[in-house]
C-alpha atoms as a PDB file:
ATOM      1  CA  MET A   1       0.675   6.258 -17.549  1.00  0.00           C
ATOM      2  CA  LYS A   2       2.730   4.016 -15.298  1.00  0.00           C
ATOM      3  CA  ASP A   3       3.092   4.844 -11.631  1.00  0.00           C
ATOM      4  CA  TYR A   4       6.270   6.528 -10.498  1.00  0.00           C
ATOM      5  CA  VAL A   5       7.834   8.276  -7.511  1.00  0.00           C
ATOM      6  CA  ILE A   6      10.223  11.208  -7.727  1.00  0.00           C
ATOM      7  CA  LYS A   7      13.110  11.532  -5.291  1.00  0.00           C
ATOM      8  CA  ALA A   8      14.098  15.157  -4.784  1.00  0.00           C
ATOM      9  CA  THR A   9      15.955  17.474  -2.435  1.00  0.00           C
ATOM     10  CA  SER A  10      16.059  21.170  -1.789  1.00  0.00           C
ATOM     11  CA  GLY A  11      19.030  22.962  -3.321  1.00  0.00           C
ATOM     12  CA  ASN A  12      20.763  23.235   0.043  1.00  0.00           C
ATOM     13  CA  GLY A  13      20.170  19.566   0.874  1.00  0.00           C
ATOM     14  CA  GLU A  14      18.194  20.410   4.013  1.00  0.00           C
ATOM     15  CA  ILE A  15      14.982  18.729   2.787  1.00  0.00           C
ATOM     16  CA  ARG A  16      14.339  15.471   0.987  1.00  0.00           C
ATOM     17  CA  ALA A  17      11.074  14.653  -0.730  1.00  0.00           C
ATOM     18  CA  TYR A  18       9.335  11.668  -2.266  1.00  0.00           C
ATOM     19  CA  VAL A  19       6.327  12.436  -4.475  1.00  0.00           C
ATOM     20  CA  GLY A  20       4.377   9.776  -6.324  1.00  0.00           C
ATOM     21  CA  ASN A  21       1.451   8.988  -8.566  1.00  0.00           C
ATOM     22  CA  THR A  22       0.217   5.506  -7.584  1.00  0.00           C
ATOM     23  CA  ARG A  23      -3.143   5.230  -9.313  1.00  0.00           C
ATOM     24  CA  GLU A  24      -2.398   1.967 -11.169  1.00  0.00           C
ATOM     25  CA  MET A  25      -0.924   0.385  -8.021  1.00  0.00           C
ATOM     26  CA  VAL A  26      -4.018   1.102  -5.962  1.00  0.00           C
ATOM     27  CA  GLU A  27      -6.413   0.096  -8.733  1.00  0.00           C
ATOM     28  CA  GLN A  28      -4.609  -3.243  -9.086  1.00  0.00           C
ATOM     29  CA  ALA A  29      -4.961  -3.822  -5.347  1.00  0.00           C
ATOM     30  CA  ARG A  30      -8.671  -2.974  -5.559  1.00  0.00           C
ATOM     31  CA  VAL A  31      -9.197  -5.448  -8.395  1.00  0.00           C
ATOM     32  CA  ASN A  32      -7.168  -8.170  -6.680  1.00  0.00           C
ATOM     33  CA  HIS A  33      -9.074  -7.939  -3.402  1.00  0.00           C
ATOM     34  CA  ASN A  34     -12.447  -6.550  -4.559  1.00  0.00           C
ATOM     35  CA  THR A  35     -12.266  -3.946  -1.806  1.00  0.00           C
ATOM     36  CA  THR A  36     -15.031  -1.516  -0.870  1.00  0.00           C
ATOM     37  CA  LYS A  37     -14.390   2.192  -1.366  1.00  0.00           C
ATOM     38  CA  VAL A  38     -13.210   2.801   2.186  1.00  0.00           C
ATOM     39  CA  ALA A  39     -11.045  -0.339   2.177  1.00  0.00           C
ATOM     40  CA  THR A  40      -9.573   0.763  -1.155  1.00  0.00           C
ATOM     41  CA  ALA A  41      -8.679   4.140   0.350  1.00  0.00           C
ATOM     42  CA  ALA A  42      -7.128   2.628   3.475  1.00  0.00           C
ATOM     43  CA  LEU A  43      -5.115   0.015   1.595  1.00  0.00           C
ATOM     44  CA  GLY A  44      -4.177   2.482  -1.152  1.00  0.00           C
ATOM     45  CA  ARG A  45      -2.812   5.041   1.282  1.00  0.00           C
ATOM     46  CA  THR A  46      -0.808   2.353   3.061  1.00  0.00           C
ATOM     47  CA  LEU A  47       0.607   0.956  -0.175  1.00  0.00           C
ATOM     48  CA  THR A  48       1.596   4.426  -1.385  1.00  0.00           C
ATOM     49  CA  ALA A  49       3.436   5.265   1.827  1.00  0.00           C
ATOM     50  CA  THR A  50       5.055   1.829   1.982  1.00  0.00           C
ATOM     51  CA  SER A  51       6.321   2.181  -1.594  1.00  0.00           C
ATOM     52  CA  MET A  52       7.968   5.532  -0.842  1.00  0.00           C
ATOM     53  CA  MET A  53       9.454   4.161   2.379  1.00  0.00           C
ATOM     54  CA  GLY A  54      10.841   1.226   0.399  1.00  0.00           C
ATOM     55  CA  LEU A  55      12.663   3.688  -1.836  1.00  0.00           C
ATOM     56  CA  MET A  56      14.350   5.131   1.254  1.00  0.00           C
ATOM     57  CA  MET A  57      16.218   1.853   1.808  1.00  0.00           C
ATOM     58  CA  LYS A  58      19.799   1.640   0.600  1.00  0.00           C
ATOM     59  CA  ASN A  59      20.442  -1.953  -0.457  1.00  0.00           C
ATOM     60  CA  GLU A  60      18.842  -3.840  -3.330  1.00  0.00           C
ATOM     61  CA  LYS A  61      17.757  -6.806  -1.184  1.00  0.00           C
ATOM     62  CA  ASP A  62      16.309  -4.722   1.672  1.00  0.00           C
ATOM     63  CA  GLU A  63      12.617  -5.279   2.415  1.00  0.00           C
ATOM     64  CA  LEU A  64      10.100  -3.356   4.463  1.00  0.00           C
ATOM     65  CA  THR A  65       6.762  -4.414   5.939  1.00  0.00           C
ATOM     66  CA  VAL A  66       4.095  -2.115   7.364  1.00  0.00           C
ATOM     67  CA  ILE A  67       1.350  -3.482   9.630  1.00  0.00           C
ATOM     68  CA  ILE A  68      -1.519  -1.288  10.803  1.00  0.00           C
ATOM     69  CA  LYS A  69      -3.891  -2.575  13.485  1.00  0.00           C
ATOM     70  CA  GLY A  70      -6.312   0.021  14.763  1.00  0.00           C
ATOM     71  CA  GLY A  71      -9.050  -2.116  16.261  1.00  0.00           C
ATOM     72  CA  GLY A  72     -11.566  -1.053  13.620  1.00  0.00           C
ATOM     73  CA  PRO A  73     -13.776  -3.235  11.403  1.00  0.00           C
ATOM     74  CA  ILE A  74     -11.223  -3.352   8.570  1.00  0.00           C
ATOM     75  CA  GLY A  75      -8.944  -5.466  10.760  1.00  0.00           C
ATOM     76  CA  THR A  76      -5.258  -5.653   9.894  1.00  0.00           C
ATOM     77  CA  ILE A  77      -3.710  -3.770   6.964  1.00  0.00           C
ATOM     78  CA  LEU A  78      -0.429  -5.236   5.744  1.00  0.00           C
ATOM     79  CA  ALA A  79       1.858  -3.981   2.985  1.00  0.00           C
ATOM     80  CA  THR A  80       5.392  -4.855   1.955  1.00  0.00           C
ATOM     81  CA  SER A  81       7.885  -3.121  -0.342  1.00  0.00           C
ATOM     82  CA  ASP A  82      11.266  -3.874  -1.822  1.00  0.00           C
ATOM     83  CA  ALA A  83      13.990  -1.282  -2.314  1.00  0.00           C
ATOM     84  CA  LYS A  84      12.586  -0.437  -5.762  1.00  0.00           C
ATOM     85  CA  GLY A  85       9.211   0.632  -4.371  1.00  0.00           C
ATOM     86  CA  MET A  86       7.347  -2.401  -5.713  1.00  0.00           C
ATOM     87  CA  VAL A  87       4.616  -3.306  -3.234  1.00  0.00           C
ATOM     88  CA  ARG A  88       2.000  -5.878  -2.373  1.00  0.00           C
ATOM     89  CA  GLY A  89      -0.573  -5.872   0.403  1.00  0.00           C
ATOM     90  CA  TYR A  90      -4.036  -6.692   1.670  1.00  0.00           C
ATOM     91  CA  VAL A  91      -6.650  -5.808   4.267  1.00  0.00           C
ATOM     92  CA  GLN A  92      -8.168  -8.401   6.582  1.00  0.00           C
ATOM     93  CA  ASN A  93     -11.751  -7.369   5.810  1.00  0.00           C
ATOM     94  CA  PRO A  94     -12.015  -6.066   2.216  1.00  0.00           C
ATOM     95  CA  ASP A  95     -15.826  -5.885   2.528  1.00  0.00           C
ATOM     96  CA  VAL A  96     -15.799  -3.312   5.344  1.00  0.00           C
ATOM     97  CA  GLN A  97     -18.482  -0.621   5.238  1.00  0.00           C
ATOM     98  CA  VAL A  98     -18.655   2.470   7.450  1.00  0.00           C
ATOM     99  CA  GLU A  99     -20.674   5.653   7.165  1.00  0.00           C
ATOM    100  CA  ASN A 100     -18.920   8.490   5.331  1.00  0.00           C
ATOM    101  CA  TYR A 101     -18.103  11.797   6.984  1.00  0.00           C
ATOM    102  CA  PRO A 102     -20.881  14.424   6.775  1.00  0.00           C
ATOM    103  CA  ASN A 103     -19.017  16.126   3.903  1.00  0.00           C
ATOM    104  CA  GLY A 104     -19.164  12.893   1.898  1.00  0.00           C
ATOM    105  CA  LYS A 105     -15.509  11.949   2.272  1.00  0.00           C
ATOM    106  CA  LEU A 106     -14.576   8.369   3.060  1.00  0.00           C
ATOM    107  CA  ASN A 107     -14.268   7.719   6.775  1.00  0.00           C
ATOM    108  CA  VAL A 108     -10.972   5.824   6.716  1.00  0.00           C
ATOM    109  CA  ALA A 109     -10.413   6.360  10.444  1.00  0.00           C
ATOM    110  CA  GLY A 110     -13.799   4.791  11.156  1.00  0.00           C
ATOM    111  CA  ALA A 111     -12.736   1.671   9.266  1.00  0.00           C
ATOM    112  CA  VAL A 112      -9.161   1.504  10.595  1.00  0.00           C
ATOM    113  CA  GLY A 113      -9.865   2.526  14.187  1.00  0.00           C
ATOM    114  CA  THR A 114      -7.598   4.508  16.493  1.00  0.00           C
ATOM    115  CA  ASP A 115      -6.966   2.044  19.319  1.00  0.00           C
ATOM    116  CA  GLY A 116      -3.920   0.289  17.972  1.00  0.00           C
ATOM    117  CA  TYR A 117      -0.539   0.745  16.357  1.00  0.00           C
ATOM    118  CA  VAL A 118       1.497   1.078  13.190  1.00  0.00           C
ATOM    119  CA  GLN A 119       4.425  -1.319  13.023  1.00  0.00           C
ATOM    120  CA  VAL A 120       7.321  -1.074  10.593  1.00  0.00           C
ATOM    121  CA  ILE A 121       9.635  -4.047  10.068  1.00  0.00           C
ATOM    122  CA  LYS A 122      12.837  -3.488   8.096  1.00  0.00           C
ATOM    123  CA  ASP A 123      14.795  -6.505   6.906  1.00  0.00           C
ATOM    124  CA  LEU A 124      18.170  -4.982   6.063  1.00  0.00           C
ATOM    125  CA  GLY A 125      20.089  -8.221   5.779  1.00  0.00           C
ATOM    126  CA  LEU A 126      21.269  -8.085   9.367  1.00  0.00           C
ATOM    127  CA  LYS A 127      20.979 -10.863  11.939  1.00  0.00           C
ATOM    128  CA  GLU A 128      17.723  -9.455  13.272  1.00  0.00           C
ATOM    129  CA  PRO A 129      15.234  -7.166  11.492  1.00  0.00           C
ATOM    130  CA  TYR A 130      14.517  -3.697  12.843  1.00  0.00           C
ATOM    131  CA  ILE A 131      11.025  -3.497  14.336  1.00  0.00           C
ATOM    132  CA  GLY A 132       9.391  -0.222  15.345  1.00  0.00           C
ATOM    133  CA  SER A 133       5.866  -0.068  16.754  1.00  0.00           C
ATOM    134  CA  TYR A 134       4.044   3.131  17.717  1.00  0.00           C
ATOM    135  CA  PRO A 135       0.468   4.033  18.672  1.00  0.00           C
ATOM    136  CA  LEU A 136      -1.939   5.287  16.043  1.00  0.00           C
ATOM    137  CA  VAL A 137      -2.904   8.916  16.436  1.00  0.00           C
ATOM    138  CA  SER A 138      -5.827   9.267  14.033  1.00  0.00           C
ATOM    139  CA  GLY A 139      -6.438   6.181  11.899  1.00  0.00           C
ATOM    140  CA  GLU A 140      -6.323   8.392   8.805  1.00  0.00           C
ATOM    141  CA  ILE A 141      -2.909   6.825   8.014  1.00  0.00           C
ATOM    142  CA  ALA A 142      -0.995   9.891   6.758  1.00  0.00           C
ATOM    143  CA  GLU A 143      -0.965  11.428  10.238  1.00  0.00           C
ATOM    144  CA  ASP A 144       0.008   8.066  11.687  1.00  0.00           C
ATOM    145  CA  PHE A 145       3.039   7.815   9.400  1.00  0.00           C
ATOM    146  CA  THR A 146       3.990  11.392  10.310  1.00  0.00           C
ATOM    147  CA  HIS A 147       3.871  10.358  13.969  1.00  0.00           C
ATOM    148  CA  TYR A 148       5.922   7.231  13.222  1.00  0.00           C
ATOM    149  CA  PHE A 149       8.714   9.202  11.512  1.00  0.00           C
ATOM    150  CA  ALA A 150       8.868  11.700  14.369  1.00  0.00           C
ATOM    151  CA  LEU A 151       9.122   9.050  17.080  1.00  0.00           C
ATOM    152  CA  SER A 152      10.969   6.204  15.404  1.00  0.00           C
ATOM    153  CA  GLU A 153      13.429   8.038  13.194  1.00  0.00           C
ATOM    154  CA  GLN A 154      13.445  11.431  14.922  1.00  0.00           C
ATOM    155  CA  THR A 155      12.757  12.959  11.504  1.00  0.00           C
ATOM    156  CA  PRO A 156      10.225  15.807  11.282  1.00  0.00           C
ATOM    157  CA  SER A 157       8.090  14.863   8.286  1.00  0.00           C
ATOM    158  CA  VAL A 158       5.031  15.927   6.343  1.00  0.00           C
ATOM    159  CA  VAL A 159       3.052  13.007   4.914  1.00  0.00           C
ATOM    160  CA  SER A 160       0.153  13.445   2.513  1.00  0.00           C
ATOM    161  CA  LEU A 161      -1.690  10.442   1.053  1.00  0.00           C
ATOM    162  CA  GLY A 162      -4.829  10.258  -1.034  1.00  0.00           C
ATOM    163  CA  VAL A 163      -7.118   7.912  -2.952  1.00  0.00           C
ATOM    164  CA  LEU A 164     -10.017   9.220  -5.026  1.00  0.00           C
ATOM    165  CA  THR A 165     -12.647   6.815  -6.371  1.00  0.00           C
ATOM    166  CA  ARG A 166     -15.252   7.384  -9.073  1.00  0.00           C
ATOM    167  CA  ASN A 167     -18.564   5.709  -9.807  1.00  0.00           C
ATOM    168  CA  MET A 168     -19.194   3.978 -13.127  1.00  0.00           C
ATOM    169  CA  GLU A 169     -22.057   2.274 -14.892  1.00  0.00           C
ATOM    170  CA  VAL A 170     -20.914  -1.006 -16.423  1.00  0.00           C
ATOM    171  CA  GLU A 171     -22.871  -3.408 -18.604  1.00  0.00           C
ATOM    172  CA  ARG A 172     -22.695  -7.011 -17.403  1.00  0.00           C
ATOM    173  CA  LYS A 173     -24.038 -10.153 -19.049  1.00  0.00           C
ATOM    174  CA  ILE A 174     -25.927 -12.394 -16.619  1.00  0.00           C
ATOM    175  CA  THR A 175     -27.473 -15.828 -17.084  1.00  0.00           C
ATOM    176  CA  LYS A 176     -31.034 -16.165 -15.818  1.00  0.00           C
ATOM    177  CA  GLU A 177     -32.604 -19.271 -14.266  1.00  0.00           C
ATOM    178  CA  ASP A 178     -34.105 -20.344 -17.604  1.00  0.00           C
ATOM    179  CA  GLY A 179     -30.642 -20.279 -19.208  1.00  0.00           C
ATOM    180  CA  SER A 180     -31.196 -17.147 -21.225  1.00  0.00           C
ATOM    181  CA  GLU A 181     -28.773 -14.237 -21.036  1.00  0.00           C
ATOM    182  CA  GLU A 182     -29.517 -10.632 -20.214  1.00  0.00           C
ATOM    183  CA  ILE A 183     -27.458  -7.429 -20.227  1.00  0.00           C
ATOM    184  CA  VAL A 184     -27.820  -5.429 -17.027  1.00  0.00           C
ATOM    185  CA  VAL A 185     -26.282  -2.107 -16.006  1.00  0.00           C
ATOM    186  CA  CYS A 186     -24.347  -2.288 -12.736  1.00  0.00           C
ATOM    187  CA  ARG A 187     -23.054   0.597 -10.647  1.00  0.00           C
ATOM    188  CA  GLU A 188     -19.417   0.019  -9.827  1.00  0.00           C
ATOM    189  CA  PHE A 189     -16.344   2.127  -9.072  1.00  0.00           C
ATOM    190  CA  ASP A 190     -12.653   2.325  -9.781  1.00  0.00           C
ATOM    191  CA  VAL A 191      -9.676   4.372  -8.589  1.00  0.00           C
ATOM    192  CA  GLU A 192      -9.576   7.719 -10.370  1.00  0.00           C
ATOM    193  CA  GLN A 193      -6.510   9.189  -8.633  1.00  0.00           C
ATOM    194  CA  ALA A 194      -4.019   8.027  -6.003  1.00  0.00           C
ATOM    195  CA  GLY A 195      -0.707   9.336  -4.797  1.00  0.00           C
ATOM    196  CA  GLY A 196       1.151  11.017  -2.005  1.00  0.00           C
ATOM    197  CA  PHE A 197       4.268  12.676  -0.760  1.00  0.00           C
ATOM    198  CA  ILE A 198       6.666  12.378   2.145  1.00  0.00           C
ATOM    199  CA  VAL A 199       8.758  15.467   2.854  1.00  0.00           C
ATOM    200  CA  GLN A 200      11.442  15.283   5.541  1.00  0.00           C
ATOM    201  CA  LEU A 201      13.687  17.812   7.248  1.00  0.00           C
ATOM    202  CA  MET A 202      17.329  16.961   7.722  1.00  0.00           C
ATOM    203  CA  PRO A 203      18.782  17.473  11.229  1.00  0.00           C
ATOM    204  CA  PHE A 204      20.777  20.502  10.038  1.00  0.00           C
ATOM    205  CA  ALA A 205      17.816  22.300   8.425  1.00  0.00           C
ATOM    206  CA  SER A 206      17.843  26.050   9.105  1.00  0.00           C
ATOM    207  CA  GLU A 207      14.943  28.014  10.553  1.00  0.00           C
ATOM    208  CA  GLU A 208      14.615  29.837   7.239  1.00  0.00           C
ATOM    209  CA  THR A 209      14.257  26.569   5.319  1.00  0.00           C
ATOM    210  CA  ILE A 210      11.730  25.261   7.828  1.00  0.00           C
ATOM    211  CA  ALA A 211       9.658  28.447   7.606  1.00  0.00           C
ATOM    212  CA  THR A 212       9.639  28.346   3.807  1.00  0.00           C
ATOM    213  CA  LEU A 213       8.527  24.717   3.776  1.00  0.00           C
ATOM    214  CA  GLU A 214       5.788  25.361   6.323  1.00  0.00           C
ATOM    215  CA  ASN A 215       4.516  28.256   4.207  1.00  0.00           C
ATOM    216  CA  ASN A 216       4.476  26.068   1.092  1.00  0.00           C
ATOM    217  CA  ILE A 217       2.658  23.216   2.793  1.00  0.00           C
ATOM    218  CA  LYS A 218      -0.017  25.096   4.711  1.00  0.00           C
ATOM    219  CA  ASP A 219      -2.188  26.015   1.721  1.00  0.00           C
ATOM    220  CA  ILE A 220      -1.387  23.170  -0.658  1.00  0.00           C
ATOM    221  CA  PRO A 221      -4.477  21.229  -1.857  1.00  0.00           C
ATOM    222  CA  SER A 222      -4.834  17.494  -1.324  1.00  0.00           C
ATOM    223  CA  VAL A 223      -2.716  15.216  -3.488  1.00  0.00           C
ATOM    224  CA  THR A 224      -5.737  13.802  -5.320  1.00  0.00           C
ATOM    225  CA  THR A 225      -7.026  17.331  -6.023  1.00  0.00           C
ATOM    226  CA  LEU A 226      -3.666  18.221  -7.545  1.00  0.00           C
ATOM    227  CA  LEU A 227      -3.491  15.025  -9.606  1.00  0.00           C
ATOM    228  CA  LYS A 228      -7.076  15.384 -10.834  1.00  0.00           C
ATOM    229  CA  ALA A 229      -6.262  18.915 -11.983  1.00  0.00           C
ATOM    230  CA  GLY A 230      -3.561  17.457 -14.228  1.00  0.00           C
ATOM    231  CA  ASN A 231      -0.520  18.024 -12.063  1.00  0.00           C
ATOM    232  CA  LYS A 232       2.278  15.479 -12.210  1.00  0.00           C
ATOM    233  CA  PRO A 233       4.627  14.531  -9.361  1.00  0.00           C
ATOM    234  CA  GLU A 234       7.183  16.919 -10.909  1.00  0.00           C
ATOM    235  CA  ASP A 235       4.686  19.776 -10.517  1.00  0.00           C
ATOM    236  CA  ILE A 236       3.956  18.833  -6.911  1.00  0.00           C
ATOM    237  CA  VAL A 237       7.691  18.805  -6.136  1.00  0.00           C
ATOM    238  CA  GLU A 238       7.871  22.382  -7.414  1.00  0.00           C
ATOM    239  CA  MET A 239       4.950  23.394  -5.181  1.00  0.00           C
ATOM    240  CA  VAL A 240       6.245  21.699  -2.047  1.00  0.00           C
ATOM    241  CA  LEU A 241       9.806  22.982  -2.498  1.00  0.00           C
ATOM    242  CA  LYS A 242       8.931  26.389  -3.909  1.00  0.00           C
ATOM    243  CA  ASP A 243      11.753  28.919  -3.360  1.00  0.00           C
ATOM    244  CA  LEU A 244      14.000  26.084  -2.155  1.00  0.00           C
ATOM    245  CA  GLU A 245      15.621  25.271  -5.517  1.00  0.00           C
ATOM    246  CA  PRO A 246      14.309  21.709  -5.853  1.00  0.00           C
ATOM    247  CA  LYS A 247      16.565  19.129  -7.476  1.00  0.00           C
ATOM    248  CA  ILE A 248      15.162  15.891  -8.874  1.00  0.00           C
ATOM    249  CA  LEU A 249      17.548  13.049  -8.022  1.00  0.00           C
ATOM    250  CA  ASP A 250      15.698  10.079  -9.490  1.00  0.00           C
ATOM    251  CA  VAL A 251      12.449   8.964 -11.103  1.00  0.00           C
ATOM    252  CA  CYS A 252      11.445   5.471  -9.932  1.00  0.00           C
ATOM    253  CA  GLU A 253       8.777   3.351 -11.597  1.00  0.00           C
ATOM    254  CA  VAL A 254       6.689   1.646  -8.906  1.00  0.00           C
ATOM    255  CA  GLY A 255       3.670  -0.632  -8.810  1.00  0.00           C
ATOM    256  CA  PHE A 256       1.792  -3.546  -7.272  1.00  0.00           C
ATOM    257  CA  GLU A 257       3.805  -6.718  -7.750  1.00  0.00           C
ATOM    258  CA  CYS A 258       3.428 -10.084  -6.034  1.00  0.00           C
ATOM    259  CA  ASN A 259       6.239 -12.630  -6.148  1.00  0.00           C
ATOM    260  CA  CYS A 260       4.055 -15.647  -5.449  1.00  0.00           C
ATOM    261  CA  SER A 261       4.265 -18.731  -7.688  1.00  0.00           C
ATOM    262  CA  LYS A 262       3.202 -22.360  -7.626  1.00  0.00           C
ATOM    263  CA  GLU A 263       6.748 -23.348  -6.712  1.00  0.00           C
ATOM    264  CA  ARG A 264       6.796 -20.976  -3.706  1.00  0.00           C
ATOM    265  CA  THR A 265       3.343 -22.145  -2.675  1.00  0.00           C
ATOM    266  CA  GLY A 266       4.521 -25.739  -2.826  1.00  0.00           C
ATOM    267  CA  LYS A 267       7.323 -24.894  -0.411  1.00  0.00           C
ATOM    268  CA  VAL A 268       4.727 -23.419   1.949  1.00  0.00           C
ATOM    269  CA  LEU A 269       2.826 -26.715   1.852  1.00  0.00           C
ATOM    270  CA  GLN A 270       6.033 -28.582   2.585  1.00  0.00           C
ATOM    271  CA  SER A 271       6.723 -26.306   5.543  1.00  0.00           C
ATOM    272  CA  ILE A 272       3.602 -27.520   7.390  1.00  0.00           C
ATOM    273  CA  GLY A 273       5.330 -30.874   7.932  1.00  0.00           C
ATOM    274  CA  GLU A 274       5.053 -34.459   6.738  1.00  0.00           C
ATOM    275  CA  LYS A 275       2.205 -35.441   9.053  1.00  0.00           C
ATOM    276  CA  GLU A 276      -0.045 -32.521   8.087  1.00  0.00           C
ATOM    277  CA  LEU A 277       0.724 -32.855   4.380  1.00  0.00           C
ATOM    278  CA  GLN A 278      -0.034 -36.585   4.496  1.00  0.00           C
ATOM    279  CA  ALA A 279      -3.364 -35.799   6.175  1.00  0.00           C
ATOM    280  CA  ILE A 280      -4.299 -33.477   3.302  1.00  0.00           C
ATOM    281  CA  ILE A 281      -3.458 -36.215   0.799  1.00  0.00           C
ATOM    282  CA  ASP A 282      -5.463 -38.852   2.694  1.00  0.00           C
ATOM    283  CA  GLU A 283      -8.522 -36.722   3.428  1.00  0.00           C
ATOM    284  CA  ASP A 284      -8.808 -34.204   0.566  1.00  0.00           C
ATOM    285  CA  LYS A 285      -6.789 -35.758  -2.282  1.00  0.00           C
ATOM    286  CA  GLN A 286      -5.965 -32.221  -3.432  1.00  0.00           C
ATOM    287  CA  ALA A 287      -5.233 -28.710  -2.175  1.00  0.00           C
ATOM    288  CA  GLU A 288      -5.954 -25.173  -3.255  1.00  0.00           C
ATOM    289  CA  VAL A 289      -3.920 -22.340  -1.755  1.00  0.00           C
ATOM    290  CA  THR A 290      -4.792 -18.658  -2.185  1.00  0.00           C
ATOM    291  CA  CYS A 291      -2.155 -15.929  -1.962  1.00  0.00           C
ATOM    292  CA  HIS A 292      -3.105 -13.305   0.629  1.00  0.00           C
ATOM    293  CA  PHE A 293      -1.427 -10.550  -1.368  1.00  0.00           C
ATOM    294  CA  CYS A 294      -2.844 -10.988  -4.872  1.00  0.00           C
ATOM    295  CA  ASN A 295      -5.611 -13.597  -4.468  1.00  0.00           C
ATOM    296  CA  ASN A 296      -4.063 -15.925  -7.066  1.00  0.00           C
ATOM    297  CA  LYS A 297      -5.151 -19.514  -6.483  1.00  0.00           C
ATOM    298  CA  TYR A 298      -2.802 -22.472  -6.859  1.00  0.00           C
ATOM    299  CA  HIS A 299      -4.277 -25.967  -7.247  1.00  0.00           C
ATOM    300  CA  PHE A 300      -2.324 -29.095  -6.361  1.00  0.00           C
ATOM    301  CA  THR A 301      -3.452 -32.546  -7.476  1.00  0.00           C
ATOM    302  CA  GLU A 302      -2.986 -35.651  -5.347  1.00  0.00           C
ATOM    303  CA  GLU A 303       0.014 -36.631  -7.474  1.00  0.00           C
ATOM    304  CA  GLU A 304       1.628 -33.212  -6.981  1.00  0.00           C
ATOM    305  CA  LEU A 305       1.081 -33.374  -3.217  1.00  0.00           C
ATOM    306  CA  VAL A 306       2.647 -36.836  -3.061  1.00  0.00           C
ATOM    307  CA  GLU A 307       5.637 -35.515  -4.995  1.00  0.00           C
ATOM    308  CA  LEU A 308       6.007 -32.635  -2.522  1.00  0.00           C
ATOM    309  CA  LEU A 309       5.772 -35.069   0.380  1.00  0.00           C
ATOM    310  CA  ASN A 310       8.380 -37.453  -1.065  1.00  0.00           C
ATOM    311  CA  SER A 311      10.830 -34.608  -1.633  1.00  0.00           C
ATOM    312  CA  ILE A 312      10.956 -33.788   2.095  1.00  0.00           C
ATOM    313  CA  LYS A 313      11.150 -37.361   3.411  1.00  0.00           C
END
C-alpha cells in the first residue's frame, strides 16, 4: 500500500487534522542511508512531520526544510518537503547507537539530544524565506514540533509520530577467502509501521470543541500501535475527531523522492568555480559526487569535467 496523508476538519471547522501512513517513505530512507534502528526512528519521525507540514503550504512551488540539531550523537537531521508532501532527508550520523530505554523502546532523545533547536525554513516564493528557530524541549521530535507550532505559529497543536521496526533473518551469499560461496543467515531489520498525525485548533475554537478533542486524545494509543492493529489513517481520523463530525477534505499520496540527477550534480561542480574544477581535472582526472539525500553516486570522467569547465568559461 502506498503512503498517504488525509487532510480533515471537524464539522464546525474549528479543528484541522493531518493523519498519515508513511511506512514506505521511512523504509526507503532507511535503505538509502543504511540507518541504525534509532537513526531510522529519528529520521522517520522527522520525515513524517515534514511531509504533513509540506501539505499545509498553499502554492505548488512552495518548499519547506526542517533542521534539527540537538547536540546528540546523531548530529544534524535535515528533511525537506514540497507542497505535495514528497520528502527527502538524511541524518549526519546514520550509524549512531544509544542504549534503549529500560522498557525496550528506542531512545530517540538520547540520539538527538536536547541542547539545541528545531529550525523550519519556508521558501514561499517571496524575496526572503521565512525562518523560524526554537529550542528543543525533549529530543523526542513530536513534542518538539508541538512546541514549534505553539511558539512560531501560535497554533495549539497535538503531534504524534511513530516508527516501529522489526527484526528479520535474511539469507545472504558471501564469498570466502578461497573463492567459494556460502549462504549465511544474517539478523537485520526493516520498518514495520510508520506514521503520525498533526491536529490543530483554529483561533476561534470553542471550549466545548477543545474539551472533546482533549478527551479523544488522552487515551488514544500510539500511532504505530493503531497501524499495527490494522487501522488506516481514515480510522485514526475518526478516533481523533470523535463526536466532532470529521470531514475528509483530501487524500494525498506522499513518499520519499529525491530530485537529484547527473545534470544537477554537474551544475554543483560548476558552482565551485573554474580554479577548483580545473584542480580536480589536473589532480584526480575524474570525480564522484554522492547525493546527501538519497546516496546516489554520480561519476564524471575527465572528458565530462572538461566539458563542464568549458561551458562556464
